[in-house]
N, C-alpha and C. Protein backbone atom coordinates (compact mmCIF):
# COMPACT_ATOMS: atom_id res chain seq x y z
N MET A 1 24.70 5.24 8.53
CA MET A 1 23.88 6.95 8.49
C MET A 1 23.17 6.67 10.43
N GLU A 2 23.08 7.88 11.02
CA GLU A 2 22.87 7.92 11.84
C GLU A 2 21.51 7.56 12.61
N LYS A 3 21.21 7.82 13.04
CA LYS A 3 18.96 7.76 13.18
C LYS A 3 18.77 9.04 11.97
N PRO A 4 18.15 8.16 11.93
CA PRO A 4 17.97 9.93 10.88
C PRO A 4 17.07 10.42 11.75
N LYS A 5 16.48 12.05 11.10
CA LYS A 5 15.70 12.93 11.85
C LYS A 5 14.59 13.93 10.81
N LEU A 6 14.63 12.76 9.65
CA LEU A 6 12.65 12.72 9.11
C LEU A 6 12.97 11.31 8.59
N ALA A 7 11.66 11.01 7.69
CA ALA A 7 11.70 10.20 7.25
C ALA A 7 10.34 10.42 6.26
N ILE A 8 10.88 10.39 5.12
CA ILE A 8 10.21 10.82 4.20
C ILE A 8 9.80 9.37 2.76
N PHE A 9 8.04 9.75 2.95
CA PHE A 9 7.79 8.56 1.91
C PHE A 9 7.42 8.61 0.70
N ASP A 10 7.58 7.57 -0.65
CA ASP A 10 6.84 7.53 -1.47
C ASP A 10 5.42 6.46 -1.02
N TRP A 11 4.39 6.84 -2.05
CA TRP A 11 2.95 6.14 -0.80
C TRP A 11 2.99 4.89 -2.81
N ASN A 12 2.93 5.20 -4.14
CA ASN A 12 2.35 5.15 -5.17
C ASN A 12 3.87 3.58 -5.00
N GLY A 13 3.08 2.77 -5.28
CA GLY A 13 4.58 1.24 -5.42
C GLY A 13 5.01 1.09 -4.24
N THR A 14 4.87 1.85 -3.48
CA THR A 14 5.23 1.91 -2.11
C THR A 14 5.10 1.45 -0.71
N LEU A 15 4.41 2.88 -0.46
CA LEU A 15 3.61 1.93 0.98
C LEU A 15 2.04 2.32 -0.01
N LEU A 16 1.46 1.75 -0.49
CA LEU A 16 0.48 1.37 -1.64
C LEU A 16 0.86 0.07 -2.25
N ASP A 17 0.73 -0.86 -2.62
CA ASP A 17 0.74 -1.89 -3.31
C ASP A 17 -0.43 -2.49 -4.67
N ASP A 18 0.39 -0.74 -5.07
CA ASP A 18 -1.10 -0.85 -6.39
C ASP A 18 -0.50 -0.97 -8.02
N LEU A 19 0.76 -1.48 -8.00
CA LEU A 19 1.12 -1.49 -9.25
C LEU A 19 0.12 -2.70 -9.84
N PRO A 20 0.29 -4.00 -9.85
CA PRO A 20 -1.74 -3.92 -10.25
C PRO A 20 -2.40 -3.54 -10.76
N MET A 21 -3.10 -2.54 -10.30
CA MET A 21 -4.17 -1.74 -10.70
C MET A 21 -3.49 -0.63 -11.42
N VAL A 22 -2.23 -0.10 -11.32
CA VAL A 22 -1.69 0.70 -12.14
C VAL A 22 -1.21 0.25 -13.19
N TYR A 23 -1.34 -0.75 -13.89
CA TYR A 23 -1.12 -1.14 -15.22
C TYR A 23 -1.93 -1.47 -16.02
N GLN A 24 -2.83 -2.57 -15.16
CA GLN A 24 -4.49 -2.23 -16.05
C GLN A 24 -5.07 -0.93 -16.33
N SER A 25 -5.22 0.01 -16.09
CA SER A 25 -5.26 1.38 -16.23
C SER A 25 -4.45 1.71 -17.60
N VAL A 26 -3.22 1.07 -17.20
CA VAL A 26 -2.34 1.62 -18.55
C VAL A 26 -2.40 0.99 -19.52
N VAL A 27 -2.73 -0.15 -19.40
CA VAL A 27 -4.06 -1.22 -20.43
C VAL A 27 -5.26 -0.52 -20.86
N ALA A 28 -6.13 -0.31 -19.90
CA ALA A 28 -7.01 0.38 -20.46
C ALA A 28 -7.04 1.24 -21.16
N ILE A 29 -6.10 2.43 -21.41
CA ILE A 29 -5.59 3.85 -21.77
C ILE A 29 -5.47 3.30 -22.87
N PHE A 30 -4.94 2.34 -23.18
CA PHE A 30 -3.73 1.62 -24.59
C PHE A 30 -5.31 1.07 -25.58
N ARG A 31 -5.63 0.41 -24.32
CA ARG A 31 -6.85 -0.08 -25.81
C ARG A 31 -7.90 1.02 -25.64
N HIS A 32 -8.01 1.82 -24.92
CA HIS A 32 -9.30 3.06 -25.74
C HIS A 32 -8.93 3.77 -26.77
N TYR A 33 -7.59 3.65 -26.76
CA TYR A 33 -7.09 3.94 -28.19
C TYR A 33 -6.49 3.57 -29.23
N ASN A 34 -7.49 1.99 -28.97
CA ASN A 34 -6.99 0.95 -29.71
C ASN A 34 -5.85 0.05 -30.14
N LEU A 35 -4.89 0.33 -29.07
CA LEU A 35 -3.40 0.38 -29.41
C LEU A 35 -2.85 -0.63 -28.75
N PRO A 36 -2.15 -2.03 -29.05
CA PRO A 36 -1.13 -2.61 -28.05
C PRO A 36 -0.89 -2.20 -26.96
N PRO A 37 -1.30 -2.79 -25.86
CA PRO A 37 -0.31 -2.40 -24.78
C PRO A 37 0.06 -2.86 -24.19
N PRO A 38 1.71 -1.76 -23.45
CA PRO A 38 2.76 -3.26 -23.27
C PRO A 38 2.41 -4.36 -22.63
N THR A 39 3.57 -5.14 -22.31
CA THR A 39 3.71 -6.14 -21.36
C THR A 39 3.84 -5.56 -19.76
N LEU A 40 4.05 -5.89 -18.71
CA LEU A 40 3.68 -5.39 -17.10
C LEU A 40 5.65 -5.21 -17.40
N SER A 41 6.04 -6.40 -17.71
CA SER A 41 7.72 -6.20 -17.73
C SER A 41 8.26 -5.15 -18.35
N GLU A 42 7.73 -4.61 -19.41
CA GLU A 42 8.12 -3.49 -20.39
C GLU A 42 7.65 -2.58 -19.46
N TYR A 43 6.49 -2.25 -18.71
CA TYR A 43 5.94 -1.34 -17.73
C TYR A 43 6.84 -1.08 -17.04
N ARG A 44 7.42 -2.15 -16.18
CA ARG A 44 8.33 -1.84 -15.02
C ARG A 44 9.80 -1.23 -15.44
N GLU A 45 10.65 -1.64 -16.80
CA GLU A 45 11.61 -0.65 -17.28
C GLU A 45 11.02 0.33 -18.19
N GLU A 46 10.40 0.60 -18.22
CA GLU A 46 10.56 1.76 -19.37
C GLU A 46 9.84 2.92 -18.56
N ILE A 47 8.66 3.26 -17.11
CA ILE A 47 8.13 3.52 -17.10
C ILE A 47 9.08 5.17 -16.46
N GLU A 48 8.60 6.26 -16.55
CA GLU A 48 9.48 6.93 -15.99
C GLU A 48 8.52 7.90 -15.33
N ALA A 49 9.08 8.86 -14.33
CA ALA A 49 8.49 10.49 -14.07
C ALA A 49 7.77 11.14 -14.93
N ASP A 50 8.39 11.14 -16.25
CA ASP A 50 7.86 11.29 -17.72
C ASP A 50 6.98 11.18 -18.53
N PHE A 51 6.03 10.31 -18.09
CA PHE A 51 5.42 9.10 -18.12
C PHE A 51 4.66 9.17 -20.09
N MET A 52 4.82 10.61 -20.23
CA MET A 52 4.06 10.77 -22.13
C MET A 52 5.32 10.08 -22.57
N LYS A 53 6.45 9.96 -22.24
CA LYS A 53 7.56 9.52 -22.77
C LYS A 53 6.85 7.89 -23.01
N PHE A 54 6.86 7.31 -22.13
CA PHE A 54 7.01 6.09 -21.76
C PHE A 54 5.64 5.70 -23.23
N TYR A 55 4.52 6.52 -23.12
CA TYR A 55 2.98 5.88 -24.11
C TYR A 55 3.60 6.91 -25.60
N ARG A 56 4.29 7.44 -25.74
CA ARG A 56 4.64 8.17 -26.72
C ARG A 56 5.81 6.51 -27.31
N ASN A 57 6.27 6.86 -26.66
CA ASN A 57 7.26 5.17 -27.25
C ASN A 57 6.68 4.35 -27.54
N HIS A 58 4.95 3.86 -27.66
CA HIS A 58 4.78 2.86 -27.41
C HIS A 58 3.83 2.99 -28.64
N GLY A 59 3.71 4.57 -29.28
CA GLY A 59 2.62 4.87 -30.14
C GLY A 59 1.63 5.67 -30.18
N MET A 60 1.41 6.17 -28.61
CA MET A 60 0.77 7.15 -28.08
C MET A 60 0.95 8.55 -29.43
N PRO A 61 -0.18 8.50 -30.22
CA PRO A 61 -0.17 9.77 -31.15
C PRO A 61 -0.12 10.92 -29.88
N GLU A 62 1.12 12.32 -31.08
CA GLU A 62 1.16 13.43 -30.44
C GLU A 62 0.20 14.16 -29.97
N GLY A 63 -0.57 14.31 -30.74
CA GLY A 63 -2.32 14.93 -29.69
C GLY A 63 -2.87 14.46 -28.58
N ILE A 64 -2.91 13.74 -28.18
CA ILE A 64 -3.30 13.21 -27.30
C ILE A 64 -2.39 13.65 -25.92
N THR A 65 -2.57 14.00 -24.87
CA THR A 65 -1.98 14.74 -24.07
C THR A 65 -2.30 13.83 -22.38
N GLY A 66 -1.33 13.69 -21.59
CA GLY A 66 -1.57 13.95 -20.34
C GLY A 66 -2.73 13.82 -19.37
N LYS A 67 -3.07 14.89 -19.93
CA LYS A 67 -4.57 15.51 -19.60
C LYS A 67 -5.81 14.02 -19.60
N ASP A 68 -5.41 13.80 -20.93
CA ASP A 68 -6.68 12.64 -21.32
C ASP A 68 -6.15 11.23 -20.79
N LEU A 69 -5.29 11.34 -21.21
CA LEU A 69 -4.00 9.83 -20.66
C LEU A 69 -5.03 9.93 -19.13
N ASN A 70 -4.62 10.74 -18.35
CA ASN A 70 -4.96 11.11 -16.80
C ASN A 70 -6.68 11.05 -16.39
N ALA A 71 -7.55 11.83 -17.43
CA ALA A 71 -8.92 11.43 -17.64
C ALA A 71 -9.39 10.17 -16.70
N ILE A 72 -8.37 9.01 -17.91
CA ILE A 72 -8.84 7.15 -17.39
C ILE A 72 -8.63 6.75 -17.25
N ARG A 73 -7.79 7.35 -16.96
CA ARG A 73 -6.44 6.83 -15.53
C ARG A 73 -7.19 6.99 -14.71
N LYS A 74 -7.54 7.84 -13.86
CA LYS A 74 -8.39 8.69 -12.53
C LYS A 74 -10.06 7.89 -12.78
N ARG A 75 -10.65 7.43 -13.71
CA ARG A 75 -12.55 6.65 -13.74
C ARG A 75 -12.33 5.90 -13.69
N TYR A 76 -10.63 4.69 -14.15
CA TYR A 76 -10.29 3.17 -13.66
C TYR A 76 -10.28 3.63 -12.52
N PHE A 77 -9.23 3.89 -11.50
CA PHE A 77 -9.63 4.01 -10.97
C PHE A 77 -10.78 4.24 -9.78
N GLN A 78 -11.04 4.83 -9.59
CA GLN A 78 -12.59 5.48 -9.25
C GLN A 78 -13.53 3.70 -9.86
N GLU A 79 -13.19 2.86 -10.52
CA GLU A 79 -14.21 1.35 -10.84
C GLU A 79 -13.24 0.56 -10.12
N HIS A 80 -12.16 0.67 -9.60
CA HIS A 80 -11.42 -0.50 -8.95
C HIS A 80 -10.22 0.13 -7.77
N TRP A 81 -10.94 1.12 -7.13
CA TRP A 81 -10.76 1.73 -5.85
C TRP A 81 -10.21 0.24 -5.17
N ASN A 82 -10.87 -0.73 -4.83
CA ASN A 82 -10.61 -1.73 -4.13
C ASN A 82 -9.68 -2.75 -4.02
N ASP A 83 -9.02 -2.79 -4.98
CA ASP A 83 -7.91 -3.83 -6.34
C ASP A 83 -6.12 -2.83 -5.72
N ALA A 84 -6.17 -1.99 -5.02
CA ALA A 84 -5.14 -1.60 -4.31
C ALA A 84 -5.00 -1.68 -3.08
N LEU A 85 -4.08 -2.37 -2.63
CA LEU A 85 -3.98 -2.76 -0.92
C LEU A 85 -2.97 -2.01 -0.80
N LEU A 86 -3.22 -1.31 0.54
CA LEU A 86 -2.19 -1.26 1.94
C LEU A 86 -1.04 -2.42 1.68
N ARG A 87 0.08 -1.75 1.74
CA ARG A 87 1.21 -3.23 2.10
C ARG A 87 1.28 -3.76 3.56
N PRO A 88 1.90 -4.44 3.01
CA PRO A 88 2.01 -5.08 4.89
C PRO A 88 2.79 -4.73 5.39
N HIS A 89 3.01 -4.17 6.80
CA HIS A 89 3.45 -3.95 7.53
C HIS A 89 3.60 -2.21 7.86
N ALA A 90 3.16 -1.55 6.45
CA ALA A 90 3.09 -0.25 5.71
C ALA A 90 2.76 0.81 7.07
N GLU A 91 1.67 0.57 8.13
CA GLU A 91 0.83 1.43 9.64
C GLU A 91 2.39 0.95 10.36
N GLU A 92 2.60 -0.36 10.42
CA GLU A 92 3.60 -0.62 11.71
C GLU A 92 5.22 0.59 11.58
N LEU A 93 5.25 0.34 10.42
CA LEU A 93 6.07 1.31 10.20
C LEU A 93 6.04 3.01 10.39
N LEU A 94 5.14 3.36 10.26
CA LEU A 94 5.02 4.87 10.57
C LEU A 94 4.89 5.16 11.64
N LEU A 95 4.20 3.56 12.45
CA LEU A 95 4.53 4.03 13.72
C LEU A 95 5.52 3.89 14.49
N LEU A 96 6.53 2.97 14.13
CA LEU A 96 7.56 3.04 14.67
C LEU A 96 8.68 4.52 14.41
N CYS A 97 8.29 4.75 12.90
CA CYS A 97 8.89 6.48 13.05
C CYS A 97 8.66 7.16 14.00
N ARG A 98 7.08 7.60 14.19
CA ARG A 98 6.66 8.50 14.50
C ARG A 98 6.31 7.88 16.02
N ASN A 99 5.96 6.92 17.07
CA ASN A 99 5.48 6.63 18.49
C ASN A 99 6.93 6.26 19.25
N GLN A 100 7.61 5.32 18.50
CA GLN A 100 9.18 5.07 19.04
C GLN A 100 10.14 5.46 18.86
N LEU A 101 10.38 5.93 17.29
CA LEU A 101 11.60 6.52 16.79
C LEU A 101 11.48 8.26 17.46
N GLY A 102 10.60 8.61 17.05
CA GLY A 102 10.57 10.22 17.66
C GLY A 102 10.81 10.68 15.96
N ILE A 103 11.00 10.67 15.26
CA ILE A 103 10.83 10.84 13.70
C ILE A 103 9.80 11.20 13.39
N PRO A 104 9.92 12.42 12.76
CA PRO A 104 8.67 13.19 12.12
C PRO A 104 8.67 12.50 10.33
N THR A 105 7.33 11.84 9.93
CA THR A 105 6.86 10.96 9.46
C THR A 105 6.75 12.20 7.79
N ALA A 106 7.24 12.07 6.14
CA ALA A 106 6.50 12.89 5.67
C ALA A 106 6.09 11.77 3.76
N LEU A 107 4.52 12.29 3.28
CA LEU A 107 5.14 12.10 2.49
C LEU A 107 4.75 12.52 1.05
N VAL A 108 6.07 12.22 0.04
CA VAL A 108 5.93 12.98 -1.28
C VAL A 108 5.54 12.26 -2.37
N SER A 109 4.89 12.24 -3.46
CA SER A 109 4.33 12.35 -4.37
C SER A 109 3.82 12.98 -5.42
N ALA A 110 4.23 11.69 -6.55
CA ALA A 110 3.45 12.44 -7.84
C ALA A 110 2.01 12.63 -7.79
N GLU A 111 1.46 11.22 -7.24
CA GLU A 111 0.02 11.05 -7.54
C GLU A 111 -0.93 12.46 -7.19
N MET A 112 -2.30 12.42 -8.01
CA MET A 112 -2.26 13.66 -8.14
C MET A 112 -3.54 13.75 -6.29
N ARG A 113 -3.30 14.33 -6.51
CA ARG A 113 -3.23 14.91 -4.34
C ARG A 113 -5.03 14.90 -4.39
N GLU A 114 -5.61 15.68 -4.50
CA GLU A 114 -7.36 14.50 -4.49
C GLU A 114 -7.06 12.90 -4.46
N ILE A 115 -6.25 12.13 -5.14
CA ILE A 115 -6.55 10.94 -5.32
C ILE A 115 -5.84 10.39 -3.98
N LEU A 116 -5.03 11.40 -3.79
CA LEU A 116 -3.68 10.61 -2.57
C LEU A 116 -4.58 11.64 -0.92
N ILE A 117 -5.25 12.01 -1.04
CA ILE A 117 -5.58 12.09 0.17
C ILE A 117 -6.63 11.50 0.51
N GLU A 118 -7.65 11.03 -0.62
CA GLU A 118 -8.92 10.43 -0.26
C GLU A 118 -8.08 9.27 0.25
N ARG A 119 -7.21 8.11 -0.68
CA ARG A 119 -6.53 6.97 -0.27
C ARG A 119 -5.60 6.78 1.18
N LEU A 120 -5.25 8.26 1.38
CA LEU A 120 -4.87 7.87 2.75
C LEU A 120 -6.16 8.43 3.99
N ARG A 121 -6.99 9.10 3.57
CA ARG A 121 -8.47 9.28 4.70
C ARG A 121 -8.81 7.39 4.55
N SER A 122 -9.36 6.44 3.51
CA SER A 122 -9.79 5.67 3.77
C SER A 122 -9.27 4.23 4.17
N PHE A 123 -7.15 4.47 4.39
CA PHE A 123 -6.92 3.88 4.56
C PHE A 123 -6.93 4.04 6.57
N LYS A 124 -7.26 5.55 6.40
CA LYS A 124 -7.13 5.99 8.13
C LYS A 124 -5.46 6.46 8.33
N LEU A 125 -4.65 7.18 7.54
CA LEU A 125 -3.67 7.22 8.12
C LEU A 125 -2.75 8.66 7.66
N MET A 126 -3.88 10.06 7.52
CA MET A 126 -3.58 10.06 7.54
C MET A 126 -3.14 11.44 8.94
N PRO A 127 -3.31 11.21 9.78
CA PRO A 127 -3.11 11.06 11.50
C PRO A 127 -1.79 11.15 11.38
N LEU A 128 -1.02 10.13 10.58
CA LEU A 128 0.61 9.01 11.18
C LEU A 128 1.14 9.96 10.12
N PHE A 129 0.60 11.42 9.27
CA PHE A 129 2.04 11.85 8.52
C PHE A 129 1.77 13.30 8.77
N ASP A 130 2.91 13.62 9.21
CA ASP A 130 2.78 14.85 9.79
C ASP A 130 3.56 16.31 8.39
N GLU A 131 3.49 15.70 7.17
CA GLU A 131 3.34 16.32 5.86
C GLU A 131 3.09 15.50 4.85
N ILE A 132 2.04 16.56 4.00
CA ILE A 132 1.71 15.10 2.75
C ILE A 132 1.68 15.89 1.62
N ARG A 133 2.32 15.62 1.01
CA ARG A 133 2.81 16.68 -0.78
C ARG A 133 2.36 15.73 -1.76
N GLY A 134 1.55 15.63 -2.51
CA GLY A 134 1.21 15.29 -3.47
C GLY A 134 1.00 15.92 -5.20
N ASN A 135 1.00 15.39 -6.30
CA ASN A 135 1.05 16.68 -7.23
C ASN A 135 2.74 16.99 -7.72
N SER A 136 4.15 15.98 -6.62
CA SER A 136 5.16 16.24 -6.64
C SER A 136 5.32 15.15 -7.98
N TRP A 137 5.66 16.11 -9.30
CA TRP A 137 5.67 15.35 -10.74
C TRP A 137 8.06 15.68 -10.57
N ASN A 138 7.99 17.33 -9.91
CA ASN A 138 9.53 17.90 -9.60
C ASN A 138 9.54 17.02 -8.14
N LYS A 139 10.39 15.94 -8.21
CA LYS A 139 10.61 15.51 -6.93
C LYS A 139 11.42 16.40 -5.88
N GLU A 140 12.68 16.36 -6.83
CA GLU A 140 13.62 17.39 -6.05
C GLU A 140 13.14 18.65 -5.61
N GLU A 141 12.28 19.49 -5.91
CA GLU A 141 11.60 20.31 -5.77
C GLU A 141 10.89 20.53 -4.74
N ALA A 142 9.87 18.86 -4.94
CA ALA A 142 9.21 18.54 -3.34
C ALA A 142 9.75 18.04 -2.27
N LEU A 143 11.07 17.76 -2.25
CA LEU A 143 12.31 16.64 -1.28
C LEU A 143 12.62 18.05 -0.50
N ILE A 144 13.17 19.57 -1.37
CA ILE A 144 13.44 20.77 -1.44
C ILE A 144 13.03 21.30 -0.09
N ALA A 145 11.84 21.74 -0.74
CA ALA A 145 10.51 22.08 0.59
C ALA A 145 9.94 21.46 1.30
N THR A 146 9.95 19.64 1.43
CA THR A 146 9.83 19.61 3.49
C THR A 146 10.95 19.32 3.84
N LEU A 147 11.97 19.39 3.27
CA LEU A 147 13.46 19.40 4.18
C LEU A 147 12.69 21.03 4.99
N ASP A 148 12.87 22.30 4.28
CA ASP A 148 12.93 23.29 4.47
C ASP A 148 11.58 23.08 5.71
N ILE A 149 9.97 22.92 5.55
CA ILE A 149 9.70 22.13 6.08
C ILE A 149 9.87 22.50 8.05
N PHE A 150 10.62 21.20 7.66
CA PHE A 150 11.12 20.97 9.29
C PHE A 150 12.73 20.94 9.50
N GLY A 151 12.83 21.58 8.86
CA GLY A 151 14.37 22.49 9.08
C GLY A 151 15.28 21.06 9.59
N THR A 152 15.35 20.05 8.76
CA THR A 152 15.72 19.29 8.31
C THR A 152 17.10 19.71 7.71
N LYS A 153 18.52 19.19 7.68
CA LYS A 153 19.63 19.13 6.72
C LYS A 153 19.30 18.05 5.98
N ALA A 154 19.53 17.71 4.67
CA ALA A 154 19.56 17.21 3.58
C ALA A 154 19.37 14.65 4.59
N GLU A 155 21.67 15.54 4.74
CA GLU A 155 21.58 14.52 5.59
C GLU A 155 21.34 13.21 6.23
N ASP A 156 20.41 14.35 7.09
CA ASP A 156 19.66 14.31 8.51
C ASP A 156 18.26 12.93 7.78
N ALA A 157 18.19 12.68 6.85
CA ALA A 157 16.80 12.76 6.25
C ALA A 157 17.29 11.49 5.40
N PHE A 158 16.01 10.55 5.54
CA PHE A 158 16.05 9.23 4.24
C PHE A 158 14.60 9.09 3.44
N TYR A 159 15.00 8.50 2.62
CA TYR A 159 13.65 8.68 1.12
C TYR A 159 13.75 7.72 0.88
N LEU A 160 12.53 6.47 0.92
CA LEU A 160 11.75 5.19 0.67
C LEU A 160 11.16 5.54 -0.52
N ASP A 161 11.45 4.63 -1.73
CA ASP A 161 11.22 5.26 -3.00
C ASP A 161 11.44 3.90 -3.84
N ASP A 162 10.04 3.52 -5.04
CA ASP A 162 10.75 2.22 -5.65
C ASP A 162 10.96 2.70 -6.87
N THR A 163 11.37 3.34 -7.53
CA THR A 163 11.45 4.38 -8.91
C THR A 163 13.18 4.77 -8.81
N TYR A 164 13.59 4.57 -10.24
CA TYR A 164 14.94 4.88 -10.41
C TYR A 164 14.76 6.48 -10.31
N ASP A 165 14.17 6.76 -10.89
CA ASP A 165 13.66 9.03 -10.74
C ASP A 165 13.52 9.40 -9.60
N GLY A 166 13.18 8.37 -8.70
CA GLY A 166 12.11 9.04 -7.72
C GLY A 166 13.76 8.80 -6.34
N LEU A 167 14.50 7.64 -6.78
CA LEU A 167 15.86 7.38 -5.97
C LEU A 167 16.93 8.45 -6.10
N MET A 168 16.77 9.04 -7.57
CA MET A 168 17.97 9.69 -7.53
C MET A 168 17.75 11.34 -7.94
N ALA A 169 16.56 12.02 -7.43
CA ALA A 169 16.03 13.15 -7.32
C ALA A 169 16.68 13.60 -5.75
N ALA A 170 15.69 12.16 -4.78
CA ALA A 170 16.58 12.27 -3.26
C ALA A 170 17.90 12.40 -3.42
N LYS A 171 19.52 11.64 -3.61
CA LYS A 171 20.09 11.89 -4.04
C LYS A 171 20.89 12.44 -4.57
N ASN A 172 20.74 13.36 -5.75
CA ASN A 172 20.59 14.79 -5.71
C ASN A 172 20.12 15.70 -4.80
N VAL A 173 19.94 15.49 -4.06
CA VAL A 173 19.33 16.55 -3.17
C VAL A 173 20.59 16.39 -2.07
N GLY A 174 20.53 15.43 -1.73
CA GLY A 174 21.66 14.32 -0.65
C GLY A 174 21.04 13.98 0.91
N ILE A 175 20.24 13.74 -0.04
CA ILE A 175 18.57 12.66 1.33
C ILE A 175 19.57 11.00 1.09
N LYS A 176 19.30 10.53 2.39
CA LYS A 176 19.56 9.62 2.39
C LYS A 176 18.48 8.07 1.79
N THR A 177 18.97 7.81 0.52
CA THR A 177 17.83 6.47 -0.07
C THR A 177 17.44 5.20 0.20
N ILE A 178 17.00 4.49 0.22
CA ILE A 178 16.53 3.26 0.58
C ILE A 178 16.02 3.35 -0.59
N GLY A 179 16.59 1.91 -1.40
CA GLY A 179 15.24 1.29 -2.56
C GLY A 179 14.36 0.38 -1.88
N PHE A 180 12.99 0.34 -2.98
CA PHE A 180 11.85 -0.61 -2.59
C PHE A 180 11.72 -1.00 -4.46
N SER A 181 12.49 -2.34 -3.85
CA SER A 181 12.21 -2.81 -5.53
C SER A 181 10.99 -4.39 -6.05
N ALA A 182 10.31 -3.85 -5.54
CA ALA A 182 9.19 -4.33 -5.01
C ALA A 182 7.57 -4.10 -5.72
N GLY A 183 8.27 -2.60 -6.01
CA GLY A 183 7.09 -1.77 -7.09
C GLY A 183 7.52 -1.48 -8.13
N TYR A 184 7.22 -0.45 -9.34
CA TYR A 184 7.20 -0.01 -10.31
C TYR A 184 8.47 -0.63 -10.77
N HIS A 185 9.76 -0.08 -10.51
CA HIS A 185 10.67 -0.47 -11.15
C HIS A 185 11.17 -1.82 -10.93
N SER A 186 12.22 -2.39 -11.69
CA SER A 186 12.53 -3.62 -11.63
C SER A 186 13.75 -3.35 -11.09
N GLU A 187 14.29 -4.16 -9.80
CA GLU A 187 15.13 -4.65 -9.29
C GLU A 187 16.70 -3.42 -10.11
N GLN A 188 16.74 -4.41 -10.83
CA GLN A 188 17.92 -3.70 -11.83
C GLN A 188 17.98 -2.24 -12.13
N ARG A 189 16.59 -1.88 -11.79
CA ARG A 189 16.69 0.01 -12.40
C ARG A 189 16.85 0.23 -10.73
N VAL A 190 15.93 -0.09 -9.71
CA VAL A 190 16.68 0.23 -8.34
C VAL A 190 17.43 0.36 -8.12
N LEU A 191 18.45 -0.57 -8.85
CA LEU A 191 19.68 -0.47 -8.63
C LEU A 191 20.74 0.00 -9.05
N ALA A 192 20.22 0.22 -10.17
CA ALA A 192 20.72 1.10 -11.40
C ALA A 192 21.07 3.06 -10.86
N ALA A 193 20.27 2.95 -9.96
CA ALA A 193 19.95 4.55 -8.48
C ALA A 193 21.11 4.50 -8.00
N LYS A 194 21.84 3.90 -7.31
CA LYS A 194 22.88 2.51 -6.41
C LYS A 194 22.67 3.26 -4.98
N PRO A 195 20.85 3.09 -4.32
CA PRO A 195 20.56 2.85 -3.18
C PRO A 195 21.26 3.23 -2.09
N ASP A 196 21.29 4.31 -1.30
CA ASP A 196 23.00 3.89 0.21
C ASP A 196 22.19 2.51 1.08
N PHE A 197 20.80 2.55 0.94
CA PHE A 197 20.53 0.73 1.25
C PHE A 197 19.57 0.65 0.44
N GLY A 198 19.76 -0.57 0.64
CA GLY A 198 19.16 -1.56 0.28
C GLY A 198 19.51 -2.03 -1.68
N PRO A 199 18.72 -3.05 -2.68
CA PRO A 199 16.79 -2.63 -2.18
C PRO A 199 16.38 -3.55 -1.43
N VAL A 200 15.50 -3.29 -0.59
CA VAL A 200 14.35 -4.39 -0.38
C VAL A 200 13.69 -4.11 -0.75
N THR A 201 12.70 -5.47 -0.08
CA THR A 201 11.76 -6.27 -0.59
C THR A 201 10.00 -5.94 -0.22
N ALA A 202 10.24 -5.63 0.97
CA ALA A 202 9.08 -5.49 2.24
C ALA A 202 9.58 -4.48 3.46
N LEU A 203 8.24 -3.90 3.74
CA LEU A 203 8.42 -3.19 4.36
C LEU A 203 9.20 -2.97 5.53
N ARG A 204 9.39 -4.66 6.37
CA ARG A 204 9.61 -5.15 7.24
C ARG A 204 11.37 -4.78 7.64
N GLU A 205 11.91 -5.13 6.38
CA GLU A 205 12.84 -4.91 6.23
C GLU A 205 13.59 -3.78 6.89
N VAL A 206 12.56 -2.32 6.13
CA VAL A 206 13.00 -1.04 6.35
C VAL A 206 12.86 -1.01 8.07
N MET A 207 11.80 -1.32 8.21
CA MET A 207 11.71 -1.44 9.70
C MET A 207 13.42 -1.79 10.81
N THR A 208 13.67 -2.70 10.38
CA THR A 208 14.58 -3.56 10.99
C THR A 208 15.45 -2.62 10.78
N LEU A 209 15.72 -1.94 9.36
CA LEU A 209 17.35 -0.90 9.72
C LEU A 209 16.89 -0.03 9.80
N LEU A 210 15.80 0.48 10.24
CA LEU A 210 15.58 1.57 11.48
C LEU A 210 15.93 1.01 12.61
N ARG A 211 15.72 0.33 13.38
CA ARG A 211 15.91 0.21 14.55
C ARG A 211 17.37 -0.24 14.70
N GLN A 212 18.31 -0.59 13.82
CA GLN A 212 19.61 -1.03 13.39
C GLN A 212 19.91 0.78 13.12
N MET A 213 19.41 1.34 13.07
CA MET A 213 20.17 2.77 13.26
C MET A 213 20.11 3.26 14.23
N GLU A 214 18.67 2.90 15.14
CA GLU A 214 18.23 3.77 16.73
C GLU A 214 19.29 2.83 17.83
N GLU A 215 20.02 1.89 17.06
CA GLU A 215 20.84 1.31 18.04
C GLU A 215 22.57 1.79 17.90
N MET A 216 22.50 2.28 16.84
CA MET A 216 24.07 2.94 15.88
C MET A 216 24.91 4.41 18.00
């Protein structure tokens, strides 16, 4: 791949190291309904964009909705806000794209927008993104809309994501993919998406990859 013209990033599990906190929020949800929580390994192997399927498979009653679960999740996040940390080299990666390589940056995340914006402000990352899209449950639509905003062809952009679903959405759109295997999904699931690059386990590896593309 030649030097990309647009860098698109996932947030949760990718730029933000929030898997431990997120898993504990899952534990809190199951305990709230007096259900045995799944293990962390089960979570990483089974969670997907349609998160209710995961909860139903682990015994969550039909009458409980995604809105119910998100209310517990949001409350847990607010109480454990400082448990999720920015990954090492995340800010450096964004600065590399924007300042050294001259590549616009976009964030496409399924995270609730209000939480996403608040988190970005707390890390002082808002100025480092040219486009921010939260509530992106349909990542294909969100990625297509992002390409349209920048007038960029799919093959001229890359997407860094830590999940099978996110990587497959980008591949379906035609965007080049970089798999990140230290996040929500296990390396096996990331590999199953057959990313164009990776999987990588640290953001500094992405920086090395981009520098190599710059030299091509």
